[in-house]
């Protein structure tokens, strides 16, 4: 659901006319709010490595989905006794019984952090004529890769850890809305991982494209506010322990930073190659020494 919605939003972003918003809103953008020109773009795609990265992410996520689909399901055993004293003291502090309303609210904040804020941020800049189609395409590819890796990694960890959720330790569980096959997927928190991936990705990418913008702090603060809120709601709803949330936040943040950072290295490499092609070239021949200058 989350991935489908995000891909839909990004696809719309790519089809959105670059100058349509600027013509509609007649925006006069201050110099410090202008996006870096494309020739100085902080990120770049690589024709060789991006298919590899995207493919690796797809295999990671697809493999986890197949593994989960064909694995035997663990229906909850109502006869098993869950003792809170078996939980480590730190996680025991934040344990809560299940709440469907808080579960749904946490899902909503996750969608905002994962899809809503990134889409709103870059679509708004595009609508104002301050973000080119090439930049949108680059961001869409990078974000797709980050989403695939985030969901693939968290699913494989869940399958391997098979940790029971906190709500299993409460005698009077609200059975409404609880998936009996999902109770052993507590570690790590997928909602939190996606939310922090979106927050980190959006913050890093926005600040790189708009290094002098006054909107950097609002974008960062809003992104992480929803991400942190998602983690808190996942604990309060009884779905996760605190360590589940902390692990999800760390993993999501790492992926949200790593994917665009790799593309930043691609941009630096591409810039170096262009600069090297403009350096004076010394050529020796039987007729003397030729110096070739590129301008």
C-alpha atoms as a PDB file:
ATOM      1  CA  UNK A   1       0.000   0.000   0.000  1.00  0.00           C
ATOM      2  CA  UNK A   2       2.693   2.496   1.031  1.00  0.00           C
ATOM      3  CA  UNK A   3       4.950   1.674  -1.904  1.00  0.00           C
ATOM      4  CA  UNK A   4       2.090   1.779  -4.420  1.00  0.00           C
ATOM      5  CA  UNK A   5       0.971   5.195  -3.204  1.00  0.00           C
ATOM      6  CA  UNK A   6       4.504   6.558  -3.266  1.00  0.00           C
ATOM      7  CA  UNK A   7       5.188   5.317  -6.779  1.00  0.00           C
ATOM      8  CA  UNK A   8       1.908   6.885  -7.924  1.00  0.00           C
ATOM      9  CA  UNK A   9       2.842  10.253  -6.439  1.00  0.00           C
ATOM     10  CA  UNK A  10       6.321  10.156  -7.951  1.00  0.00           C
ATOM     11  CA  UNK A  11       4.942   9.158 -11.334  1.00  0.00           C
ATOM     12  CA  UNK A  12       2.625  12.184 -11.208  1.00  0.00           C
ATOM     13  CA  UNK A  13       5.606  14.349 -10.312  1.00  0.00           C
ATOM     14  CA  UNK A  14       7.460  13.242 -13.417  1.00  0.00           C
ATOM     15  CA  UNK A  15       4.485  14.067 -15.626  1.00  0.00           C
ATOM     16  CA  UNK A  16       3.855  17.456 -14.050  1.00  0.00           C
ATOM     17  CA  UNK A  17       4.752  20.300 -16.479  1.00  0.00           C
ATOM     18  CA  UNK A  18       7.821  22.114 -15.243  1.00  0.00           C
ATOM     19  CA  UNK A  19       6.591  25.676 -15.622  1.00  0.00           C
ATOM     20  CA  UNK A  20       2.863  25.098 -15.118  1.00  0.00           C
ATOM     21  CA  UNK A  21       2.908  26.124 -11.471  1.00  0.00           C
ATOM     22  CA  UNK A  22       5.072  29.156 -12.097  1.00  0.00           C
ATOM     23  CA  UNK A  23       2.638  30.338 -14.781  1.00  0.00           C
ATOM     24  CA  UNK A  24      -0.368  29.720 -12.537  1.00  0.00           C
ATOM     25  CA  UNK A  25       1.028  31.194  -9.321  1.00  0.00           C
ATOM     26  CA  UNK A  26       3.340  33.788 -10.919  1.00  0.00           C
ATOM     27  CA  UNK A  27       5.941  33.125  -8.236  1.00  0.00           C
ATOM     28  CA  UNK A  28       8.905  35.437  -7.806  1.00  0.00           C
ATOM     29  CA  UNK A  29      11.536  33.253  -6.148  1.00  0.00           C
ATOM     30  CA  UNK A  30      14.310  34.907  -4.076  1.00  0.00           C
ATOM     31  CA  UNK A  31      17.870  34.148  -5.105  1.00  0.00           C
ATOM     32  CA  UNK A  32      18.637  32.153  -1.953  1.00  0.00           C
ATOM     33  CA  UNK A  33      15.620  29.893  -2.599  1.00  0.00           C
ATOM     34  CA  UNK A  34      16.630  28.914  -6.124  1.00  0.00           C
ATOM     35  CA  UNK A  35      17.525  25.314  -6.837  1.00  0.00           C
ATOM     36  CA  UNK A  36      21.110  24.660  -7.863  1.00  0.00           C
ATOM     37  CA  UNK A  37      21.473  24.658 -11.670  1.00  0.00           C
ATOM     38  CA  UNK A  38      21.526  21.252 -13.346  1.00  0.00           C
ATOM     39  CA  UNK A  39      25.200  21.546 -14.265  1.00  0.00           C
ATOM     40  CA  UNK A  40      25.935  21.837 -10.518  1.00  0.00           C
ATOM     41  CA  UNK A  41      23.398  19.211  -9.418  1.00  0.00           C
ATOM     42  CA  UNK A  42      24.498  17.483  -6.193  1.00  0.00           C
ATOM     43  CA  UNK A  43      23.174  14.125  -7.433  1.00  0.00           C
ATOM     44  CA  UNK A  44      23.488  12.154 -10.652  1.00  0.00           C
ATOM     45  CA  UNK A  45      22.322   8.802 -11.969  1.00  0.00           C
ATOM     46  CA  UNK A  46      24.773   6.299 -13.394  1.00  0.00           C
ATOM     47  CA  UNK A  47      23.811   4.267 -16.463  1.00  0.00           C
ATOM     48  CA  UNK A  48      25.725   1.229 -15.232  1.00  0.00           C
ATOM     49  CA  UNK A  49      25.307   1.281 -11.483  1.00  0.00           C
ATOM     50  CA  UNK A  50      21.712   2.486 -11.102  1.00  0.00           C
ATOM     51  CA  UNK A  51      20.200  -0.568 -12.834  1.00  0.00           C
ATOM     52  CA  UNK A  52      22.371  -2.692 -10.532  1.00  0.00           C
ATOM     53  CA  UNK A  53      21.266  -0.773  -7.427  1.00  0.00           C
ATOM     54  CA  UNK A  54      17.598  -0.827  -8.415  1.00  0.00           C
ATOM     55  CA  UNK A  55      17.790  -4.510  -9.308  1.00  0.00           C
ATOM     56  CA  UNK A  56      19.458  -5.382  -6.014  1.00  0.00           C
ATOM     57  CA  UNK A  57      16.746  -3.507  -4.128  1.00  0.00           C
ATOM     58  CA  UNK A  58      13.994  -5.246  -6.092  1.00  0.00           C
ATOM     59  CA  UNK A  59      15.556  -8.666  -5.482  1.00  0.00           C
ATOM     60  CA  UNK A  60      15.963  -7.922  -1.770  1.00  0.00           C
ATOM     61  CA  UNK A  61      12.346  -6.857  -1.371  1.00  0.00           C
ATOM     62  CA  UNK A  62      10.892  -9.418  -3.777  1.00  0.00           C
ATOM     63  CA  UNK A  63      12.846 -12.238  -2.150  1.00  0.00           C
ATOM     64  CA  UNK A  64      11.517 -11.279   1.277  1.00  0.00           C
ATOM     65  CA  UNK A  65       7.943 -11.204  -0.034  1.00  0.00           C
ATOM     66  CA  UNK A  66       8.333 -14.645  -1.591  1.00  0.00           C
ATOM     67  CA  UNK A  67       9.924 -16.034   1.552  1.00  0.00           C
ATOM     68  CA  UNK A  68       7.104 -14.692   3.685  1.00  0.00           C
ATOM     69  CA  UNK A  69       4.449 -15.943   1.256  1.00  0.00           C
ATOM     70  CA  UNK A  70       5.710 -19.513   1.108  1.00  0.00           C
ATOM     71  CA  UNK A  71       6.759 -19.796   4.753  1.00  0.00           C
ATOM     72  CA  UNK A  72       4.499 -21.616   7.168  1.00  0.00           C
ATOM     73  CA  UNK A  73       2.333 -19.238   9.163  1.00  0.00           C
ATOM     74  CA  UNK A  74       2.467 -19.122  12.936  1.00  0.00           C
ATOM     75  CA  UNK A  75      -1.056 -18.879  14.263  1.00  0.00           C
ATOM     76  CA  UNK A  76      -1.081 -17.493  17.770  1.00  0.00           C
ATOM     77  CA  UNK A  77      -1.257 -20.050  20.543  1.00  0.00           C
ATOM     78  CA  UNK A  78      -3.839 -18.958  23.093  1.00  0.00           C
ATOM     79  CA  UNK A  79      -2.577 -21.552  25.564  1.00  0.00           C
ATOM     80  CA  UNK A  80       0.919 -20.070  25.730  1.00  0.00           C
ATOM     81  CA  UNK A  81       1.649 -17.919  28.766  1.00  0.00           C
ATOM     82  CA  UNK A  82       3.449 -14.626  28.076  1.00  0.00           C
ATOM     83  CA  UNK A  83       5.243 -13.299  31.139  1.00  0.00           C
ATOM     84  CA  UNK A  84       6.219  -9.618  31.094  1.00  0.00           C
ATOM     85  CA  UNK A  85       9.170 -10.451  33.330  1.00  0.00           C
ATOM     86  CA  UNK A  86      10.699 -12.287  30.365  1.00  0.00           C
ATOM     87  CA  UNK A  87      10.999  -8.974  28.545  1.00  0.00           C
ATOM     88  CA  UNK A  88      14.152  -6.931  29.156  1.00  0.00           C
ATOM     89  CA  UNK A  89      13.687  -4.092  31.697  1.00  0.00           C
ATOM     90  CA  UNK A  90      14.147  -1.319  29.115  1.00  0.00           C
ATOM     91  CA  UNK A  91      11.471  -2.580  26.723  1.00  0.00           C
ATOM     92  CA  UNK A  92       9.161  -3.458  29.598  1.00  0.00           C
ATOM     93  CA  UNK A  93       8.788   0.251  30.427  1.00  0.00           C
ATOM     94  CA  UNK A  94       7.199   1.066  27.057  1.00  0.00           C
ATOM     95  CA  UNK A  95       4.917  -1.959  26.646  1.00  0.00           C
ATOM     96  CA  UNK A  96       1.270  -1.297  25.822  1.00  0.00           C
ATOM     97  CA  UNK A  97      -1.776  -3.359  24.954  1.00  0.00           C
ATOM     98  CA  UNK A  98      -3.188  -3.190  21.441  1.00  0.00           C
ATOM     99  CA  UNK A  99      -5.138  -0.144  20.244  1.00  0.00           C
ATOM    100  CA  UNK A 100      -6.691  -0.229  16.788  1.00  0.00           C
ATOM    101  CA  UNK A 101      -7.205   3.545  16.673  1.00  0.00           C
ATOM    102  CA  UNK A 102      -3.562   4.276  17.505  1.00  0.00           C
ATOM    103  CA  UNK A 103      -2.512   1.577  15.035  1.00  0.00           C
ATOM    104  CA  UNK A 104      -4.408   3.353  12.251  1.00  0.00           C
ATOM    105  CA  UNK A 105      -3.093   6.755  13.327  1.00  0.00           C
ATOM    106  CA  UNK A 106       0.478   5.453  13.224  1.00  0.00           C
ATOM    107  CA  UNK A 107      -0.103   4.134   9.726  1.00  0.00           C
ATOM    108  CA  UNK A 108      -1.405   7.553   8.679  1.00  0.00           C
ATOM    109  CA  UNK A 109       1.623   9.418  10.063  1.00  0.00           C
ATOM    110  CA  UNK A 110       3.884   6.872   8.376  1.00  0.00           C
ATOM    111  CA  UNK A 111       2.244   7.586   5.016  1.00  0.00           C
ATOM    112  CA  UNK A 112       2.693  11.320   5.545  1.00  0.00           C
ATOM    113  CA  UNK A 113       6.390  10.921   6.402  1.00  0.00           C
ATOM    114  CA  UNK A 114       7.081   8.342   3.697  1.00  0.00           C
ATOM    115  CA  UNK A 115       5.057   9.727   0.803  1.00  0.00           C
ATOM    116  CA  UNK A 116       3.243  12.951   1.680  1.00  0.00           C
ATOM    117  CA  UNK A 117       6.103  15.191   2.770  1.00  0.00           C
ATOM    118  CA  UNK A 118       8.625  14.125   0.085  1.00  0.00           C
ATOM    119  CA  UNK A 119       6.006  14.500  -2.654  1.00  0.00           C
ATOM    120  CA  UNK A 120       4.680  17.821  -1.326  1.00  0.00           C
ATOM    121  CA  UNK A 121       8.195  19.228  -0.950  1.00  0.00           C
ATOM    122  CA  UNK A 122       9.458  18.520  -4.442  1.00  0.00           C
ATOM    123  CA  UNK A 123       6.112  18.901  -6.221  1.00  0.00           C
ATOM    124  CA  UNK A 124       5.729  22.365  -4.716  1.00  0.00           C
ATOM    125  CA  UNK A 125       9.166  23.376  -5.958  1.00  0.00           C
ATOM    126  CA  UNK A 126       8.310  21.940  -9.368  1.00  0.00           C
ATOM    127  CA  UNK A 127       4.991  23.790  -9.444  1.00  0.00           C
ATOM    128  CA  UNK A 128       6.888  27.010  -8.806  1.00  0.00           C
ATOM    129  CA  UNK A 129       9.280  26.298 -11.666  1.00  0.00           C
ATOM    130  CA  UNK A 130      12.112  25.779  -9.205  1.00  0.00           C
ATOM    131  CA  UNK A 131      12.853  22.085  -9.810  1.00  0.00           C
ATOM    132  CA  UNK A 132      13.573  20.692 -13.261  1.00  0.00           C
ATOM    133  CA  UNK A 133      12.160  17.550 -14.820  1.00  0.00           C
ATOM    134  CA  UNK A 134      15.632  15.962 -14.741  1.00  0.00           C
ATOM    135  CA  UNK A 135      15.903  16.655 -11.019  1.00  0.00           C
ATOM    136  CA  UNK A 136      12.483  15.104 -10.463  1.00  0.00           C
ATOM    137  CA  UNK A 137      13.484  12.022 -12.396  1.00  0.00           C
ATOM    138  CA  UNK A 138      16.716  11.683 -10.421  1.00  0.00           C
ATOM    139  CA  UNK A 139      14.863  12.024  -7.111  1.00  0.00           C
ATOM    140  CA  UNK A 140      12.193   9.532  -8.208  1.00  0.00           C
ATOM    141  CA  UNK A 141      14.803   6.905  -9.095  1.00  0.00           C
ATOM    142  CA  UNK A 142      16.775   7.449  -5.889  1.00  0.00           C
ATOM    143  CA  UNK A 143      13.652   7.336  -3.742  1.00  0.00           C
ATOM    144  CA  UNK A 144      12.418   4.172  -5.448  1.00  0.00           C
ATOM    145  CA  UNK A 145      15.742   2.500  -4.696  1.00  0.00           C
ATOM    146  CA  UNK A 146      15.610   3.637  -1.065  1.00  0.00           C
ATOM    147  CA  UNK A 147      12.060   2.319  -0.678  1.00  0.00           C
ATOM    148  CA  UNK A 148      12.936  -1.073  -2.106  1.00  0.00           C
ATOM    149  CA  UNK A 149      15.974  -1.497   0.137  1.00  0.00           C
ATOM    150  CA  UNK A 150      14.165  -0.257   3.252  1.00  0.00           C
ATOM    151  CA  UNK A 151      11.257  -2.647   2.833  1.00  0.00           C
ATOM    152  CA  UNK A 152      13.436  -5.534   1.732  1.00  0.00           C
ATOM    153  CA  UNK A 153      15.860  -5.216   4.645  1.00  0.00           C
ATOM    154  CA  UNK A 154      13.144  -4.788   7.264  1.00  0.00           C
ATOM    155  CA  UNK A 155      11.203  -7.796   5.956  1.00  0.00           C
ATOM    156  CA  UNK A 156      14.256 -10.066   6.038  1.00  0.00           C
ATOM    157  CA  UNK A 157      15.037  -8.918   9.586  1.00  0.00           C
ATOM    158  CA  UNK A 158      11.451  -9.567  10.675  1.00  0.00           C
ATOM    159  CA  UNK A 159      11.522 -13.052   9.153  1.00  0.00           C
ATOM    160  CA  UNK A 160      14.806 -13.852  10.888  1.00  0.00           C
ATOM    161  CA  UNK A 161      14.083 -12.297  14.294  1.00  0.00           C
ATOM    162  CA  UNK A 162      10.486 -13.543  14.715  1.00  0.00           C
ATOM    163  CA  UNK A 163       9.954 -11.518  17.862  1.00  0.00           C
ATOM    164  CA  UNK A 164       6.509 -11.502  19.432  1.00  0.00           C
ATOM    165  CA  UNK A 165       4.738  -8.182  19.669  1.00  0.00           C
ATOM    166  CA  UNK A 166       4.129  -6.427  23.012  1.00  0.00           C
ATOM    167  CA  UNK A 167       0.354  -6.836  22.896  1.00  0.00           C
ATOM    168  CA  UNK A 168       0.815 -10.602  23.279  1.00  0.00           C
ATOM    169  CA  UNK A 169       1.882 -10.020  26.888  1.00  0.00           C
ATOM    170  CA  UNK A 170      -1.473  -8.588  27.932  1.00  0.00           C
ATOM    171  CA  UNK A 171      -4.251 -10.906  29.101  1.00  0.00           C
ATOM    172  CA  UNK A 172      -7.095  -8.765  27.776  1.00  0.00           C
ATOM    173  CA  UNK A 173      -6.088  -8.128  24.193  1.00  0.00           C
ATOM    174  CA  UNK A 174      -8.348  -6.265  21.811  1.00  0.00           C
ATOM    175  CA  UNK A 175      -8.643  -8.951  19.117  1.00  0.00           C
ATOM    176  CA  UNK A 176     -10.318  -6.554  16.677  1.00  0.00           C
ATOM    177  CA  UNK A 177      -7.792  -5.672  14.008  1.00  0.00           C
ATOM    178  CA  UNK A 178      -5.044  -8.033  15.199  1.00  0.00           C
ATOM    179  CA  UNK A 179      -3.637 -10.302  12.501  1.00  0.00           C
ATOM    180  CA  UNK A 180      -3.049 -13.726  14.044  1.00  0.00           C
ATOM    181  CA  UNK A 181      -0.261 -14.376  11.504  1.00  0.00           C
ATOM    182  CA  UNK A 182       1.535 -11.101  12.223  1.00  0.00           C
ATOM    183  CA  UNK A 183       2.184 -11.401  15.942  1.00  0.00           C
ATOM    184  CA  UNK A 184       5.807 -12.590  15.511  1.00  0.00           C
ATOM    185  CA  UNK A 185       6.982  -9.689  13.341  1.00  0.00           C
ATOM    186  CA  UNK A 186       7.749  -7.160  16.046  1.00  0.00           C
ATOM    187  CA  UNK A 187      11.457  -6.607  15.350  1.00  0.00           C
ATOM    188  CA  UNK A 188      12.098  -4.247  13.712  1.00  0.00           C
ATOM    189  CA  UNK A 189       9.395  -1.612  13.179  1.00  0.00           C
ATOM    190  CA  UNK A 190       8.688  -1.328   9.442  1.00  0.00           C
ATOM    191  CA  UNK A 191       6.483   1.736   9.843  1.00  0.00           C
ATOM    192  CA  UNK A 192       9.249   3.539  11.696  1.00  0.00           C
ATOM    193  CA  UNK A 193      11.905   2.425   9.206  1.00  0.00           C
ATOM    194  CA  UNK A 194       9.922   3.804   6.265  1.00  0.00           C
ATOM    195  CA  UNK A 195       9.068   7.033   8.074  1.00  0.00           C
ATOM    196  CA  UNK A 196      12.689   7.767   9.032  1.00  0.00           C
ATOM    197  CA  UNK A 197      13.910   6.792   5.576  1.00  0.00           C
ATOM    198  CA  UNK A 198      11.512   9.356   4.087  1.00  0.00           C
ATOM    199  CA  UNK A 199      12.505  12.006   6.626  1.00  0.00           C
ATOM    200  CA  UNK A 200      16.242  11.499   6.172  1.00  0.00           C
ATOM    201  CA  UNK A 201      16.030  11.275   2.377  1.00  0.00           C
ATOM    202  CA  UNK A 202      13.882  14.406   2.096  1.00  0.00           C
ATOM    203  CA  UNK A 203      16.029  16.412   4.512  1.00  0.00           C
ATOM    204  CA  UNK A 204      19.337  15.449   2.908  1.00  0.00           C
ATOM    205  CA  UNK A 205      18.187  15.868  -0.692  1.00  0.00           C
ATOM    206  CA  UNK A 206      16.343  19.151  -0.092  1.00  0.00           C
ATOM    207  CA  UNK A 207      19.282  20.704   1.748  1.00  0.00           C
ATOM    208  CA  UNK A 208      21.622  19.602  -1.046  1.00  0.00           C
ATOM    209  CA  UNK A 209      19.511  21.153  -3.807  1.00  0.00           C
ATOM    210  CA  UNK A 210      18.724  24.309  -1.785  1.00  0.00           C
ATOM    211  CA  UNK A 211      21.803  24.949   0.405  1.00  0.00           C
ATOM    212  CA  UNK A 212      20.841  28.555   1.243  1.00  0.00           C
ATOM    213  CA  UNK A 213      17.100  28.080   1.638  1.00  0.00           C
ATOM    214  CA  UNK A 214      15.296  29.318   4.740  1.00  0.00           C
ATOM    215  CA  UNK A 215      12.969  26.332   4.370  1.00  0.00           C
ATOM    216  CA  UNK A 216      15.635  23.817   5.352  1.00  0.00           C
ATOM    217  CA  UNK A 217      14.763  23.867   9.061  1.00  0.00           C
ATOM    218  CA  UNK A 218      10.964  23.638   8.500  1.00  0.00           C
ATOM    219  CA  UNK A 219      11.425  20.738   6.055  1.00  0.00           C
ATOM    220  CA  UNK A 220      13.746  18.861   8.414  1.00  0.00           C
ATOM    221  CA  UNK A 221      11.629  19.553  11.510  1.00  0.00           C
ATOM    222  CA  UNK A 222       8.351  18.556   9.875  1.00  0.00           C
ATOM    223  CA  UNK A 223       9.820  15.391   8.351  1.00  0.00           C
ATOM    224  CA  UNK A 224      11.312  14.130  11.597  1.00  0.00           C
ATOM    225  CA  UNK A 225       8.288  15.206  13.644  1.00  0.00           C
ATOM    226  CA  UNK A 226       6.073  12.818  11.676  1.00  0.00           C
ATOM    227  CA  UNK A 227       8.766  10.127  11.709  1.00  0.00           C
ATOM    228  CA  UNK A 228       9.173  10.348  15.490  1.00  0.00           C
ATOM    229  CA  UNK A 229       5.402  10.455  15.907  1.00  0.00           C
ATOM    230  CA  UNK A 230       5.125   7.259  13.896  1.00  0.00           C
ATOM    231  CA  UNK A 231       7.601   5.498  16.160  1.00  0.00           C
ATOM    232  CA  UNK A 232       5.839   6.699  19.306  1.00  0.00           C
ATOM    233  CA  UNK A 233       2.446   5.566  17.998  1.00  0.00           C
ATOM    234  CA  UNK A 234       3.802   2.137  17.060  1.00  0.00           C
ATOM    235  CA  UNK A 235       4.833   1.693  20.696  1.00  0.00           C
ATOM    236  CA  UNK A 236       1.689   3.219  22.164  1.00  0.00           C
ATOM    237  CA  UNK A 237      -0.534   1.025  19.967  1.00  0.00           C
ATOM    238  CA  UNK A 238       1.110  -2.112  21.377  1.00  0.00           C
ATOM    239  CA  UNK A 239       2.664  -3.151  18.067  1.00  0.00           C
ATOM    240  CA  UNK A 240       6.324  -2.635  18.957  1.00  0.00           C
ATOM    241  CA  UNK A 241       8.851  -2.484  21.748  1.00  0.00           C
ATOM    242  CA  UNK A 242      11.078   0.564  22.065  1.00  0.00           C
ATOM    243  CA  UNK A 243      14.086  -1.349  20.716  1.00  0.00           C
ATOM    244  CA  UNK A 244      12.028  -2.296  17.642  1.00  0.00           C
ATOM    245  CA  UNK A 245      11.374   1.377  16.980  1.00  0.00           C
ATOM    246  CA  UNK A 246      14.966   2.471  17.635  1.00  0.00           C
ATOM    247  CA  UNK A 247      16.282  -0.219  15.277  1.00  0.00           C
ATOM    248  CA  UNK A 248      13.755   0.758  12.605  1.00  0.00           C
ATOM    249  CA  UNK A 249      14.685   4.433  12.918  1.00  0.00           C
ATOM    250  CA  UNK A 250      18.401   3.647  12.630  1.00  0.00           C
ATOM    251  CA  UNK A 251      18.004   1.349   9.622  1.00  0.00           C
ATOM    252  CA  UNK A 252      15.610   3.672   7.786  1.00  0.00           C
ATOM    253  CA  UNK A 253      17.820   6.695   8.407  1.00  0.00           C
ATOM    254  CA  UNK A 254      20.877   4.806   7.165  1.00  0.00           C
ATOM    255  CA  UNK A 255      19.189   3.826   3.896  1.00  0.00           C
ATOM    256  CA  UNK A 256      17.653   7.291   3.470  1.00  0.00           C
ATOM    257  CA  UNK A 257      21.123   8.796   3.670  1.00  0.00           C
ATOM    258  CA  UNK A 258      23.155   6.098   1.894  1.00  0.00           C
ATOM    259  CA  UNK A 259      21.192   5.985  -1.375  1.00  0.00           C
ATOM    260  CA  UNK A 260      21.399   9.716  -2.206  1.00  0.00           C
ATOM    261  CA  UNK A 261      24.969   9.855  -0.885  1.00  0.00           C
ATOM    262  CA  UNK A 262      26.018   7.215  -3.430  1.00  0.00           C
ATOM    263  CA  UNK A 263      24.425   9.353  -6.140  1.00  0.00           C
ATOM    264  CA  UNK A 264      26.273  12.371  -4.778  1.00  0.00           C
ATOM    265  CA  UNK A 265      29.485  10.434  -5.385  1.00  0.00           C
ATOM    266  CA  UNK A 266      28.263   9.713  -8.925  1.00  0.00           C
ATOM    267  CA  UNK A 267      27.786  13.465  -9.449  1.00  0.00           C
ATOM    268  CA  UNK A 268      31.272  14.209  -8.156  1.00  0.00           C
ATOM    269  CA  UNK A 269      32.755  11.527 -10.399  1.00  0.00           C
ATOM    270  CA  UNK A 270      30.880  12.861 -13.415  1.00  0.00           C
ATOM    271  CA  UNK A 271      32.033  16.401 -12.640  1.00  0.00           C
ATOM    272  CA  UNK A 272      35.646  15.252 -12.363  1.00  0.00           C
ATOM    273  CA  UNK A 273      35.448  13.535 -15.745  1.00  0.00           C
ATOM    274  CA  UNK A 274      34.075  16.687 -17.351  1.00  0.00           C
ATOM    275  CA  UNK A 275      36.771  18.803 -15.779  1.00  0.00           C
ATOM    276  CA  UNK A 276      39.489  16.414 -16.912  1.00  0.00           C
ATOM    277  CA  UNK A 277      38.251  16.624 -20.487  1.00  0.00           C
ATOM    278  CA  UNK A 278      38.800  20.370 -20.391  1.00  0.00           C
ATOM    279  CA  UNK A 279      42.374  20.170 -19.208  1.00  0.00           C
ATOM    280  CA  UNK A 280      45.115  21.053 -21.692  1.00  0.00           C
ATOM    281  CA  UNK A 281      46.310  18.010 -23.609  1.00  0.00           C
ATOM    282  CA  UNK A 282      49.974  17.535 -24.503  1.00  0.00           C
ATOM    283  CA  UNK A 283      50.602  15.514 -27.683  1.00  0.00           C
ATOM    284  CA  UNK A 284      54.013  14.533 -28.984  1.00  0.00           C
ATOM    285  CA  UNK A 285      54.569  13.970 -32.680  1.00  0.00           C
ATOM    286  CA  UNK A 286      57.497  13.804 -35.117  1.00  0.00           C
ATOM    287  CA  UNK A 287      56.735  17.410 -35.953  1.00  0.00           C
ATOM    288  CA  UNK A 288      56.992  18.714 -32.417  1.00  0.00           C
ATOM    289  CA  UNK A 289      54.783  19.172 -29.363  1.00  0.00           C
ATOM    290  CA  UNK A 290      51.136  20.094 -29.785  1.00  0.00           C
ATOM    291  CA  UNK A 291      49.071  21.641 -26.995  1.00  0.00           C
ATOM    292  CA  UNK A 292      45.321  21.195 -27.362  1.00  0.00           C
ATOM    293  CA  UNK A 293      43.037  23.465 -25.331  1.00  0.00           C
ATOM    294  CA  UNK A 294      39.287  22.820 -24.804  1.00  0.00           C
ATOM    295  CA  UNK A 295      36.966  25.717 -24.051  1.00  0.00           C
END
